[in-house]
Protein backbone atom coordinates (compact mmCIF):
# COMPACT_ATOMS: atom_id res chain seq x y z
CA UNK A 1 0.00 0.00 0.00
CA UNK A 2 2.77 2.40 0.93
CA UNK A 3 4.70 1.57 -2.24
CA UNK A 4 1.61 2.28 -4.36
CA UNK A 5 1.10 5.58 -2.56
CA UNK A 6 4.68 6.50 -3.42
CA UNK A 7 3.83 5.86 -7.08
CA UNK A 8 1.04 8.44 -6.95
CA UNK A 9 -2.14 6.32 -6.91
CA UNK A 10 -5.45 7.98 -6.03
CA UNK A 11 -6.47 5.16 -3.70
CA UNK A 12 -5.82 1.61 -2.53
CA UNK A 13 -8.51 -0.52 -4.16
CA UNK A 14 -9.10 -3.83 -2.37
CA UNK A 15 -11.07 -6.05 -4.78
CA UNK A 16 -13.17 -9.00 -3.52
CA UNK A 17 -11.61 -8.64 -0.05
CA UNK A 18 -14.28 -10.24 2.15
CA UNK A 19 -12.57 -13.57 2.78
CA UNK A 20 -9.44 -11.89 4.15
CA UNK A 21 -11.13 -8.87 5.73
CA UNK A 22 -9.82 -9.46 9.25
CA UNK A 23 -6.22 -9.66 8.04
CA UNK A 24 -6.77 -6.56 5.90
CA UNK A 25 -7.97 -4.59 8.91
CA UNK A 26 -4.63 -5.15 10.65
CA UNK A 27 -2.69 -4.44 7.44
CA UNK A 28 -4.50 -1.12 6.95
CA UNK A 29 -3.89 -0.14 10.57
CA UNK A 30 -0.21 -0.84 10.10
CA UNK A 31 -0.07 1.09 6.82
CA UNK A 32 -1.83 4.11 8.33
CA UNK A 33 0.59 4.11 11.26
CA UNK A 34 3.41 4.26 8.72
CA UNK A 35 1.97 7.15 6.74
CA UNK A 36 -0.78 5.88 4.41
CA UNK A 37 -3.01 8.84 3.60
CA UNK A 38 -4.70 7.97 0.28
CA UNK A 39 -8.25 6.59 0.60
CA UNK A 40 -8.74 2.85 1.08
CA UNK A 41 -11.49 1.39 -1.16
CA UNK A 42 -13.34 -1.77 -0.11
CA UNK A 43 -14.59 -3.17 -3.45
CA UNK A 44 -16.97 -5.99 -2.58
CA UNK A 45 -19.79 -8.19 -3.83
CA UNK A 46 -21.82 -7.04 -0.84
CA UNK A 47 -21.81 -10.34 1.08
CA UNK A 48 -20.14 -8.85 4.17
CA UNK A 49 -21.37 -9.30 7.72
CA UNK A 50 -21.91 -6.30 9.95
CA UNK A 51 -19.42 -7.81 12.39
CA UNK A 52 -16.67 -7.76 9.75
CA UNK A 53 -17.56 -4.26 8.59
CA UNK A 54 -17.33 -2.94 12.15
CA UNK A 55 -13.76 -4.27 12.25
CA UNK A 56 -13.09 -2.01 9.27
CA UNK A 57 -14.70 1.11 10.74
CA UNK A 58 -12.29 4.03 10.59
CA UNK A 59 -9.97 2.09 8.26
CA UNK A 60 -11.95 2.02 5.00
CA UNK A 61 -12.72 5.38 3.41
CA UNK A 62 -14.77 4.31 0.38
CA UNK A 63 -17.10 1.33 0.17
CA UNK A 64 -17.92 0.01 -3.31
CA UNK A 65 -20.44 -2.84 -2.81
CA UNK A 66 -22.72 -4.67 -5.20
CA UNK A 67 -26.37 -5.16 -4.34
CA UNK A 68 -27.24 -8.09 -6.61
CA UNK A 69 -30.62 -9.50 -5.50
CA UNK A 70 -33.54 -8.36 -3.38
CA UNK A 71 -34.77 -11.86 -2.42
CA UNK A 72 -33.21 -15.13 -1.38
CA UNK A 73 -34.41 -17.38 -4.22
CA UNK A 74 -32.33 -15.89 -7.09
CA UNK A 75 -29.37 -15.32 -4.75
CA UNK A 76 -29.24 -19.02 -3.93
CA UNK A 77 -30.18 -20.21 -7.42
CA UNK A 78 -27.68 -18.16 -9.41
CA UNK A 79 -24.95 -17.36 -6.87
CA UNK A 80 -25.24 -20.02 -4.17
CA UNK A 81 -25.41 -17.21 -1.59
CA UNK A 82 -27.79 -17.97 1.26
CA UNK A 83 -29.23 -14.94 3.09
CA UNK A 84 -27.48 -12.65 0.61
CA UNK A 85 -30.24 -9.99 0.54
CA UNK A 86 -30.48 -9.64 4.32
CA UNK A 87 -26.70 -9.69 4.81
CA UNK A 88 -26.28 -7.09 2.05
CA UNK A 89 -29.02 -4.80 3.32
CA UNK A 90 -27.52 -4.77 6.79
CA UNK A 91 -24.01 -4.42 5.39
CA UNK A 92 -24.75 -1.46 3.13
CA UNK A 93 -26.58 0.29 5.97
CA UNK A 94 -23.48 -0.18 8.14
CA UNK A 95 -21.20 1.07 5.36
CA UNK A 96 -23.34 4.17 4.99
CA UNK A 97 -23.36 4.72 8.76
CA UNK A 98 -19.57 4.69 8.73
CA UNK A 99 -18.75 6.92 5.76
CA UNK A 100 -21.97 8.47 4.40
CA UNK A 101 -22.35 9.87 0.91
CA UNK A 102 -19.47 10.35 -1.51
CA UNK A 103 -17.24 13.35 -0.84
CA UNK A 104 -14.91 14.66 -3.54
CA UNK A 105 -11.64 16.55 -3.24
CA UNK A 106 -10.77 19.73 -5.15
CA UNK A 107 -9.80 17.63 -8.20
CA UNK A 108 -13.14 15.78 -8.25
CA UNK A 109 -11.63 12.53 -6.91
CA UNK A 110 -13.62 10.59 -4.32
CA UNK A 111 -12.14 10.72 -0.82
CA UNK A 112 -14.91 9.16 1.25
CA UNK A 113 -18.36 7.57 1.00
CA UNK A 114 -20.41 4.74 -0.48
CA UNK A 115 -21.11 3.93 -4.14
CA UNK A 116 -23.42 0.95 -4.74
CA UNK A 117 -23.43 -1.06 -7.97
CA UNK A 118 -26.64 -2.74 -9.08
CA UNK A 119 -26.80 -4.97 -12.16
CA UNK A 120 -30.24 -5.03 -13.79
CA UNK A 121 -31.15 -8.61 -14.73
CA UNK A 122 -33.52 -10.04 -17.37
CA UNK A 123 -37.10 -10.58 -16.23
CA UNK A 124 -36.47 -8.25 -13.27
CA UNK A 125 -34.96 -11.15 -11.32
CA UNK A 126 -32.98 -8.73 -9.15
CA UNK A 127 -36.18 -6.77 -8.35
CA UNK A 128 -34.35 -3.55 -9.10
CA UNK A 129 -37.09 -1.16 -7.97
CA UNK A 130 -37.05 -2.63 -4.45
CA UNK A 131 -33.26 -2.48 -4.31
CA UNK A 132 -33.35 1.16 -5.39
CA UNK A 133 -36.12 1.99 -2.89
CA UNK A 134 -33.99 0.58 -0.09
CA UNK A 135 -31.00 2.65 -1.21
CA UNK A 136 -33.14 5.79 -1.57
CA UNK A 137 -34.32 5.32 2.02
CA UNK A 138 -30.69 5.54 3.15
CA UNK A 139 -30.15 8.74 1.18
CA UNK A 140 -31.49 10.30 -2.01
CA UNK A 141 -27.92 11.52 -2.57
CA UNK A 142 -26.41 8.03 -2.41
CA UNK A 143 -24.22 7.31 -5.44
CA UNK A 144 -25.44 4.34 -7.49
CA UNK A 145 -24.09 2.67 -10.61
CA UNK A 146 -27.13 1.22 -12.40
CA UNK A 147 -25.51 -1.31 -14.69
CA UNK A 148 -26.87 -2.54 -18.02
CA UNK A 149 -23.94 -4.85 -18.80
CA UNK A 150 -25.52 -8.23 -18.06
CA UNK A 151 -24.31 -10.78 -20.60
CA UNK A 152 -25.21 -14.50 -20.35
CA UNK A 153 -22.08 -16.64 -20.02
CA UNK A 154 -20.90 -20.01 -18.72
CA UNK A 155 -23.86 -21.89 -17.19
CA UNK A 156 -26.50 -19.25 -17.96
CA UNK A 157 -27.85 -21.47 -20.75
CA UNK A 158 -29.14 -23.84 -18.07
CA UNK A 159 -31.54 -21.13 -16.91
CA UNK A 160 -33.77 -19.87 -19.75
CA UNK A 161 -34.86 -16.84 -17.74
CA UNK A 162 -31.30 -15.43 -17.73
CA UNK A 163 -29.96 -16.94 -20.95
CA UNK A 164 -30.48 -13.75 -22.97
CA UNK A 165 -29.17 -10.17 -22.82
CA UNK A 166 -31.07 -7.40 -21.11
CA UNK A 167 -33.83 -5.72 -23.13
CA UNK A 168 -34.04 -1.92 -23.44
CA UNK A 169 -37.44 -1.81 -21.74
CA UNK A 170 -36.09 -3.76 -18.75
CA UNK A 171 -33.26 -1.32 -18.18
CA UNK A 172 -35.50 1.68 -18.77
CA UNK A 173 -37.88 0.40 -16.10
CA UNK A 174 -35.02 0.51 -13.58
CA UNK A 175 -33.98 3.99 -14.74
CA UNK A 176 -37.57 5.20 -14.40
CA UNK A 177 -37.74 3.73 -10.90
CA UNK A 178 -34.59 5.61 -9.89
CA UNK A 179 -36.04 8.85 -11.24
CA UNK A 180 -39.38 8.31 -9.47
CA UNK A 181 -37.57 7.66 -6.18
CA UNK A 182 -35.75 10.97 -6.49
CA UNK A 183 -32.25 9.49 -6.52
CA UNK A 184 -29.84 12.27 -7.45
CA UNK A 185 -26.54 10.54 -8.24
CA UNK A 186 -27.11 7.60 -10.58
CA UNK A 187 -24.59 6.49 -13.20
CA UNK A 188 -26.28 4.99 -16.26
CA UNK A 189 -24.96 2.70 -18.99
CA UNK A 190 -25.77 2.04 -22.61
CA UNK A 191 -26.96 -1.49 -23.35
CA UNK A 192 -23.90 -1.86 -25.55
CA UNK A 193 -21.94 -2.02 -22.30
CA UNK A 194 -22.77 -5.72 -22.15
CA UNK A 195 -20.28 -6.22 -24.99
CA UNK A 196 -17.92 -3.38 -24.11
CA UNK A 197 -17.06 -4.80 -20.68
CA UNK A 198 -16.94 -8.45 -21.75
CA UNK A 199 -13.38 -9.77 -21.94
CA UNK A 200 -12.27 -11.55 -25.10
CA UNK A 201 -11.84 -14.92 -23.43
CA UNK A 202 -10.46 -16.54 -26.60
CA UNK A 203 -7.90 -13.87 -27.44
CA UNK A 204 -5.09 -15.43 -25.40
CA UNK A 205 -6.35 -19.01 -25.48
CA UNK A 206 -3.31 -21.26 -26.04
CA UNK A 207 -5.63 -23.97 -27.41
CA UNK A 208 -7.28 -21.72 -29.98
C-alpha atoms as a PDB file:
ATOM      1  CA  UNK A   1       0.000   0.000   0.000  1.00  0.00           C
ATOM      2  CA  UNK A   2       2.770   2.402   0.931  1.00  0.00           C
ATOM      3  CA  UNK A   3       4.698   1.571  -2.242  1.00  0.00           C
ATOM      4  CA  UNK A   4       1.615   2.281  -4.362  1.00  0.00           C
ATOM      5  CA  UNK A   5       1.102   5.577  -2.555  1.00  0.00           C
ATOM      6  CA  UNK A   6       4.681   6.497  -3.420  1.00  0.00           C
ATOM      7  CA  UNK A   7       3.834   5.864  -7.084  1.00  0.00           C
ATOM      8  CA  UNK A   8       1.038   8.437  -6.948  1.00  0.00           C
ATOM      9  CA  UNK A   9      -2.137   6.319  -6.913  1.00  0.00           C
ATOM     10  CA  UNK A  10      -5.454   7.977  -6.033  1.00  0.00           C
ATOM     11  CA  UNK A  11      -6.467   5.160  -3.700  1.00  0.00           C
ATOM     12  CA  UNK A  12      -5.819   1.614  -2.526  1.00  0.00           C
ATOM     13  CA  UNK A  13      -8.506  -0.521  -4.162  1.00  0.00           C
ATOM     14  CA  UNK A  14      -9.097  -3.834  -2.365  1.00  0.00           C
ATOM     15  CA  UNK A  15     -11.070  -6.053  -4.779  1.00  0.00           C
ATOM     16  CA  UNK A  16     -13.170  -9.002  -3.521  1.00  0.00           C
ATOM     17  CA  UNK A  17     -11.608  -8.643  -0.054  1.00  0.00           C
ATOM     18  CA  UNK A  18     -14.281 -10.240   2.146  1.00  0.00           C
ATOM     19  CA  UNK A  19     -12.570 -13.568   2.781  1.00  0.00           C
ATOM     20  CA  UNK A  20      -9.445 -11.894   4.149  1.00  0.00           C
ATOM     21  CA  UNK A  21     -11.133  -8.869   5.731  1.00  0.00           C
ATOM     22  CA  UNK A  22      -9.824  -9.460   9.249  1.00  0.00           C
ATOM     23  CA  UNK A  23      -6.220  -9.657   8.043  1.00  0.00           C
ATOM     24  CA  UNK A  24      -6.766  -6.555   5.904  1.00  0.00           C
ATOM     25  CA  UNK A  25      -7.973  -4.589   8.913  1.00  0.00           C
ATOM     26  CA  UNK A  26      -4.631  -5.145  10.649  1.00  0.00           C
ATOM     27  CA  UNK A  27      -2.690  -4.442   7.444  1.00  0.00           C
ATOM     28  CA  UNK A  28      -4.502  -1.123   6.952  1.00  0.00           C
ATOM     29  CA  UNK A  29      -3.894  -0.138  10.570  1.00  0.00           C
ATOM     30  CA  UNK A  30      -0.207  -0.837  10.104  1.00  0.00           C
ATOM     31  CA  UNK A  31      -0.070   1.088   6.822  1.00  0.00           C
ATOM     32  CA  UNK A  32      -1.835   4.110   8.329  1.00  0.00           C
ATOM     33  CA  UNK A  33       0.585   4.115  11.264  1.00  0.00           C
ATOM     34  CA  UNK A  34       3.408   4.265   8.717  1.00  0.00           C
ATOM     35  CA  UNK A  35       1.969   7.152   6.739  1.00  0.00           C
ATOM     36  CA  UNK A  36      -0.782   5.879   4.406  1.00  0.00           C
ATOM     37  CA  UNK A  37      -3.012   8.840   3.597  1.00  0.00           C
ATOM     38  CA  UNK A  38      -4.705   7.975   0.275  1.00  0.00           C
ATOM     39  CA  UNK A  39      -8.249   6.586   0.602  1.00  0.00           C
ATOM     40  CA  UNK A  40      -8.740   2.848   1.077  1.00  0.00           C
ATOM     41  CA  UNK A  41     -11.493   1.390  -1.157  1.00  0.00           C
ATOM     42  CA  UNK A  42     -13.344  -1.773  -0.109  1.00  0.00           C
ATOM     43  CA  UNK A  43     -14.589  -3.167  -3.446  1.00  0.00           C
ATOM     44  CA  UNK A  44     -16.974  -5.990  -2.577  1.00  0.00           C
ATOM     45  CA  UNK A  45     -19.788  -8.193  -3.831  1.00  0.00           C
ATOM     46  CA  UNK A  46     -21.822  -7.036  -0.836  1.00  0.00           C
ATOM     47  CA  UNK A  47     -21.807 -10.338   1.081  1.00  0.00           C
ATOM     48  CA  UNK A  48     -20.141  -8.851   4.168  1.00  0.00           C
ATOM     49  CA  UNK A  49     -21.368  -9.304   7.716  1.00  0.00           C
ATOM     50  CA  UNK A  50     -21.911  -6.297   9.948  1.00  0.00           C
ATOM     51  CA  UNK A  51     -19.418  -7.812  12.386  1.00  0.00           C
ATOM     52  CA  UNK A  52     -16.667  -7.757   9.752  1.00  0.00           C
ATOM     53  CA  UNK A  53     -17.558  -4.257   8.592  1.00  0.00           C
ATOM     54  CA  UNK A  54     -17.331  -2.945  12.147  1.00  0.00           C
ATOM     55  CA  UNK A  55     -13.765  -4.275  12.250  1.00  0.00           C
ATOM     56  CA  UNK A  56     -13.092  -2.015   9.268  1.00  0.00           C
ATOM     57  CA  UNK A  57     -14.701   1.110  10.736  1.00  0.00           C
ATOM     58  CA  UNK A  58     -12.290   4.026  10.586  1.00  0.00           C
ATOM     59  CA  UNK A  59      -9.971   2.087   8.260  1.00  0.00           C
ATOM     60  CA  UNK A  60     -11.949   2.018   5.000  1.00  0.00           C
ATOM     61  CA  UNK A  61     -12.717   5.377   3.406  1.00  0.00           C
ATOM     62  CA  UNK A  62     -14.773   4.311   0.380  1.00  0.00           C
ATOM     63  CA  UNK A  63     -17.102   1.328   0.171  1.00  0.00           C
ATOM     64  CA  UNK A  64     -17.924   0.013  -3.309  1.00  0.00           C
ATOM     65  CA  UNK A  65     -20.440  -2.839  -2.815  1.00  0.00           C
ATOM     66  CA  UNK A  66     -22.720  -4.671  -5.199  1.00  0.00           C
ATOM     67  CA  UNK A  67     -26.374  -5.165  -4.344  1.00  0.00           C
ATOM     68  CA  UNK A  68     -27.239  -8.089  -6.608  1.00  0.00           C
ATOM     69  CA  UNK A  69     -30.617  -9.500  -5.497  1.00  0.00           C
ATOM     70  CA  UNK A  70     -33.545  -8.361  -3.385  1.00  0.00           C
ATOM     71  CA  UNK A  71     -34.775 -11.857  -2.422  1.00  0.00           C
ATOM     72  CA  UNK A  72     -33.206 -15.135  -1.385  1.00  0.00           C
ATOM     73  CA  UNK A  73     -34.412 -17.381  -4.223  1.00  0.00           C
ATOM     74  CA  UNK A  74     -32.330 -15.894  -7.086  1.00  0.00           C
ATOM     75  CA  UNK A  75     -29.373 -15.316  -4.747  1.00  0.00           C
ATOM     76  CA  UNK A  76     -29.242 -19.025  -3.931  1.00  0.00           C
ATOM     77  CA  UNK A  77     -30.176 -20.211  -7.418  1.00  0.00           C
ATOM     78  CA  UNK A  78     -27.677 -18.162  -9.409  1.00  0.00           C
ATOM     79  CA  UNK A  79     -24.951 -17.358  -6.875  1.00  0.00           C
ATOM     80  CA  UNK A  80     -25.241 -20.018  -4.168  1.00  0.00           C
ATOM     81  CA  UNK A  81     -25.409 -17.207  -1.587  1.00  0.00           C
ATOM     82  CA  UNK A  82     -27.786 -17.968   1.262  1.00  0.00           C
ATOM     83  CA  UNK A  83     -29.226 -14.938   3.092  1.00  0.00           C
ATOM     84  CA  UNK A  84     -27.478 -12.652   0.607  1.00  0.00           C
ATOM     85  CA  UNK A  85     -30.239  -9.991   0.538  1.00  0.00           C
ATOM     86  CA  UNK A  86     -30.484  -9.636   4.318  1.00  0.00           C
ATOM     87  CA  UNK A  87     -26.703  -9.686   4.805  1.00  0.00           C
ATOM     88  CA  UNK A  88     -26.279  -7.090   2.054  1.00  0.00           C
ATOM     89  CA  UNK A  89     -29.025  -4.798   3.321  1.00  0.00           C
ATOM     90  CA  UNK A  90     -27.524  -4.770   6.791  1.00  0.00           C
ATOM     91  CA  UNK A  91     -24.014  -4.423   5.395  1.00  0.00           C
ATOM     92  CA  UNK A  92     -24.747  -1.455   3.133  1.00  0.00           C
ATOM     93  CA  UNK A  93     -26.583   0.294   5.965  1.00  0.00           C
ATOM     94  CA  UNK A  94     -23.481  -0.176   8.137  1.00  0.00           C
ATOM     95  CA  UNK A  95     -21.195   1.067   5.358  1.00  0.00           C
ATOM     96  CA  UNK A  96     -23.342   4.169   4.995  1.00  0.00           C
ATOM     97  CA  UNK A  97     -23.358   4.719   8.757  1.00  0.00           C
ATOM     98  CA  UNK A  98     -19.574   4.689   8.733  1.00  0.00           C
ATOM     99  CA  UNK A  99     -18.747   6.917   5.763  1.00  0.00           C
ATOM    100  CA  UNK A 100     -21.971   8.466   4.398  1.00  0.00           C
ATOM    101  CA  UNK A 101     -22.348   9.872   0.913  1.00  0.00           C
ATOM    102  CA  UNK A 102     -19.468  10.346  -1.507  1.00  0.00           C
ATOM    103  CA  UNK A 103     -17.237  13.350  -0.836  1.00  0.00           C
ATOM    104  CA  UNK A 104     -14.907  14.660  -3.540  1.00  0.00           C
ATOM    105  CA  UNK A 105     -11.642  16.546  -3.240  1.00  0.00           C
ATOM    106  CA  UNK A 106     -10.768  19.729  -5.148  1.00  0.00           C
ATOM    107  CA  UNK A 107      -9.803  17.631  -8.197  1.00  0.00           C
ATOM    108  CA  UNK A 108     -13.139  15.779  -8.245  1.00  0.00           C
ATOM    109  CA  UNK A 109     -11.632  12.532  -6.912  1.00  0.00           C
ATOM    110  CA  UNK A 110     -13.617  10.592  -4.316  1.00  0.00           C
ATOM    111  CA  UNK A 111     -12.136  10.716  -0.815  1.00  0.00           C
ATOM    112  CA  UNK A 112     -14.914   9.155   1.255  1.00  0.00           C
ATOM    113  CA  UNK A 113     -18.365   7.574   1.004  1.00  0.00           C
ATOM    114  CA  UNK A 114     -20.412   4.738  -0.485  1.00  0.00           C
ATOM    115  CA  UNK A 115     -21.108   3.927  -4.137  1.00  0.00           C
ATOM    116  CA  UNK A 116     -23.424   0.951  -4.735  1.00  0.00           C
ATOM    117  CA  UNK A 117     -23.433  -1.065  -7.969  1.00  0.00           C
ATOM    118  CA  UNK A 118     -26.641  -2.743  -9.080  1.00  0.00           C
ATOM    119  CA  UNK A 119     -26.801  -4.970 -12.156  1.00  0.00           C
ATOM    120  CA  UNK A 120     -30.236  -5.032 -13.794  1.00  0.00           C
ATOM    121  CA  UNK A 121     -31.149  -8.611 -14.733  1.00  0.00           C
ATOM    122  CA  UNK A 122     -33.515 -10.039 -17.366  1.00  0.00           C
ATOM    123  CA  UNK A 123     -37.095 -10.584 -16.225  1.00  0.00           C
ATOM    124  CA  UNK A 124     -36.467  -8.254 -13.267  1.00  0.00           C
ATOM    125  CA  UNK A 125     -34.961 -11.147 -11.325  1.00  0.00           C
ATOM    126  CA  UNK A 126     -32.982  -8.735  -9.154  1.00  0.00           C
ATOM    127  CA  UNK A 127     -36.177  -6.766  -8.349  1.00  0.00           C
ATOM    128  CA  UNK A 128     -34.354  -3.550  -9.099  1.00  0.00           C
ATOM    129  CA  UNK A 129     -37.089  -1.164  -7.972  1.00  0.00           C
ATOM    130  CA  UNK A 130     -37.053  -2.630  -4.449  1.00  0.00           C
ATOM    131  CA  UNK A 131     -33.261  -2.483  -4.308  1.00  0.00           C
ATOM    132  CA  UNK A 132     -33.352   1.157  -5.392  1.00  0.00           C
ATOM    133  CA  UNK A 133     -36.116   1.988  -2.894  1.00  0.00           C
ATOM    134  CA  UNK A 134     -33.985   0.581  -0.087  1.00  0.00           C
ATOM    135  CA  UNK A 135     -31.002   2.653  -1.206  1.00  0.00           C
ATOM    136  CA  UNK A 136     -33.137   5.789  -1.569  1.00  0.00           C
ATOM    137  CA  UNK A 137     -34.324   5.323   2.016  1.00  0.00           C
ATOM    138  CA  UNK A 138     -30.694   5.542   3.152  1.00  0.00           C
ATOM    139  CA  UNK A 139     -30.146   8.744   1.181  1.00  0.00           C
ATOM    140  CA  UNK A 140     -31.492  10.300  -2.006  1.00  0.00           C
ATOM    141  CA  UNK A 141     -27.923  11.522  -2.571  1.00  0.00           C
ATOM    142  CA  UNK A 142     -26.412   8.025  -2.414  1.00  0.00           C
ATOM    143  CA  UNK A 143     -24.222   7.314  -5.443  1.00  0.00           C
ATOM    144  CA  UNK A 144     -25.438   4.345  -7.486  1.00  0.00           C
ATOM    145  CA  UNK A 145     -24.085   2.674 -10.607  1.00  0.00           C
ATOM    146  CA  UNK A 146     -27.128   1.225 -12.395  1.00  0.00           C
ATOM    147  CA  UNK A 147     -25.512  -1.307 -14.692  1.00  0.00           C
ATOM    148  CA  UNK A 148     -26.870  -2.545 -18.019  1.00  0.00           C
ATOM    149  CA  UNK A 149     -23.936  -4.845 -18.805  1.00  0.00           C
ATOM    150  CA  UNK A 150     -25.519  -8.233 -18.060  1.00  0.00           C
ATOM    151  CA  UNK A 151     -24.313 -10.783 -20.598  1.00  0.00           C
ATOM    152  CA  UNK A 152     -25.212 -14.500 -20.350  1.00  0.00           C
ATOM    153  CA  UNK A 153     -22.083 -16.639 -20.024  1.00  0.00           C
ATOM    154  CA  UNK A 154     -20.904 -20.007 -18.716  1.00  0.00           C
ATOM    155  CA  UNK A 155     -23.862 -21.891 -17.185  1.00  0.00           C
ATOM    156  CA  UNK A 156     -26.498 -19.255 -17.960  1.00  0.00           C
ATOM    157  CA  UNK A 157     -27.848 -21.468 -20.749  1.00  0.00           C
ATOM    158  CA  UNK A 158     -29.138 -23.839 -18.071  1.00  0.00           C
ATOM    159  CA  UNK A 159     -31.544 -21.127 -16.908  1.00  0.00           C
ATOM    160  CA  UNK A 160     -33.769 -19.874 -19.752  1.00  0.00           C
ATOM    161  CA  UNK A 161     -34.865 -16.844 -17.742  1.00  0.00           C
ATOM    162  CA  UNK A 162     -31.303 -15.426 -17.726  1.00  0.00           C
ATOM    163  CA  UNK A 163     -29.959 -16.936 -20.951  1.00  0.00           C
ATOM    164  CA  UNK A 164     -30.478 -13.755 -22.970  1.00  0.00           C
ATOM    165  CA  UNK A 165     -29.169 -10.174 -22.823  1.00  0.00           C
ATOM    166  CA  UNK A 166     -31.069  -7.395 -21.113  1.00  0.00           C
ATOM    167  CA  UNK A 167     -33.829  -5.718 -23.132  1.00  0.00           C
ATOM    168  CA  UNK A 168     -34.042  -1.920 -23.440  1.00  0.00           C
ATOM    169  CA  UNK A 169     -37.444  -1.809 -21.737  1.00  0.00           C
ATOM    170  CA  UNK A 170     -36.090  -3.757 -18.749  1.00  0.00           C
ATOM    171  CA  UNK A 171     -33.260  -1.321 -18.179  1.00  0.00           C
ATOM    172  CA  UNK A 172     -35.498   1.677 -18.768  1.00  0.00           C
ATOM    173  CA  UNK A 173     -37.877   0.404 -16.096  1.00  0.00           C
ATOM    174  CA  UNK A 174     -35.018   0.508 -13.578  1.00  0.00           C
ATOM    175  CA  UNK A 175     -33.982   3.986 -14.742  1.00  0.00           C
ATOM    176  CA  UNK A 176     -37.565   5.202 -14.395  1.00  0.00           C
ATOM    177  CA  UNK A 177     -37.743   3.734 -10.898  1.00  0.00           C
ATOM    178  CA  UNK A 178     -34.592   5.605  -9.890  1.00  0.00           C
ATOM    179  CA  UNK A 179     -36.043   8.846 -11.236  1.00  0.00           C
ATOM    180  CA  UNK A 180     -39.376   8.308  -9.473  1.00  0.00           C
ATOM    181  CA  UNK A 181     -37.568   7.658  -6.180  1.00  0.00           C
ATOM    182  CA  UNK A 182     -35.747  10.974  -6.490  1.00  0.00           C
ATOM    183  CA  UNK A 183     -32.251   9.488  -6.522  1.00  0.00           C
ATOM    184  CA  UNK A 184     -29.841  12.268  -7.449  1.00  0.00           C
ATOM    185  CA  UNK A 185     -26.537  10.545  -8.238  1.00  0.00           C
ATOM    186  CA  UNK A 186     -27.107   7.604 -10.578  1.00  0.00           C
ATOM    187  CA  UNK A 187     -24.593   6.485 -13.196  1.00  0.00           C
ATOM    188  CA  UNK A 188     -26.283   4.995 -16.259  1.00  0.00           C
ATOM    189  CA  UNK A 189     -24.958   2.696 -18.992  1.00  0.00           C
ATOM    190  CA  UNK A 190     -25.769   2.038 -22.614  1.00  0.00           C
ATOM    191  CA  UNK A 191     -26.963  -1.493 -23.351  1.00  0.00           C
ATOM    192  CA  UNK A 192     -23.896  -1.861 -25.549  1.00  0.00           C
ATOM    193  CA  UNK A 193     -21.936  -2.021 -22.305  1.00  0.00           C
ATOM    194  CA  UNK A 194     -22.771  -5.724 -22.150  1.00  0.00           C
ATOM    195  CA  UNK A 195     -20.276  -6.218 -24.994  1.00  0.00           C
ATOM    196  CA  UNK A 196     -17.923  -3.380 -24.112  1.00  0.00           C
ATOM    197  CA  UNK A 197     -17.059  -4.798 -20.680  1.00  0.00           C
ATOM    198  CA  UNK A 198     -16.942  -8.445 -21.754  1.00  0.00           C
ATOM    199  CA  UNK A 199     -13.381  -9.771 -21.938  1.00  0.00           C
ATOM    200  CA  UNK A 200     -12.266 -11.546 -25.103  1.00  0.00           C
ATOM    201  CA  UNK A 201     -11.839 -14.920 -23.429  1.00  0.00           C
ATOM    202  CA  UNK A 202     -10.460 -16.536 -26.596  1.00  0.00           C
ATOM    203  CA  UNK A 203      -7.901 -13.873 -27.442  1.00  0.00           C
ATOM    204  CA  UNK A 204      -5.093 -15.431 -25.405  1.00  0.00           C
ATOM    205  CA  UNK A 205      -6.353 -19.009 -25.484  1.00  0.00           C
ATOM    206  CA  UNK A 206      -3.311 -21.256 -26.039  1.00  0.00           C
ATOM    207  CA  UNK A 207      -5.630 -23.968 -27.409  1.00  0.00           C
ATOM    208  CA  UNK A 208      -7.276 -21.717 -29.979  1.00  0.00           C
END
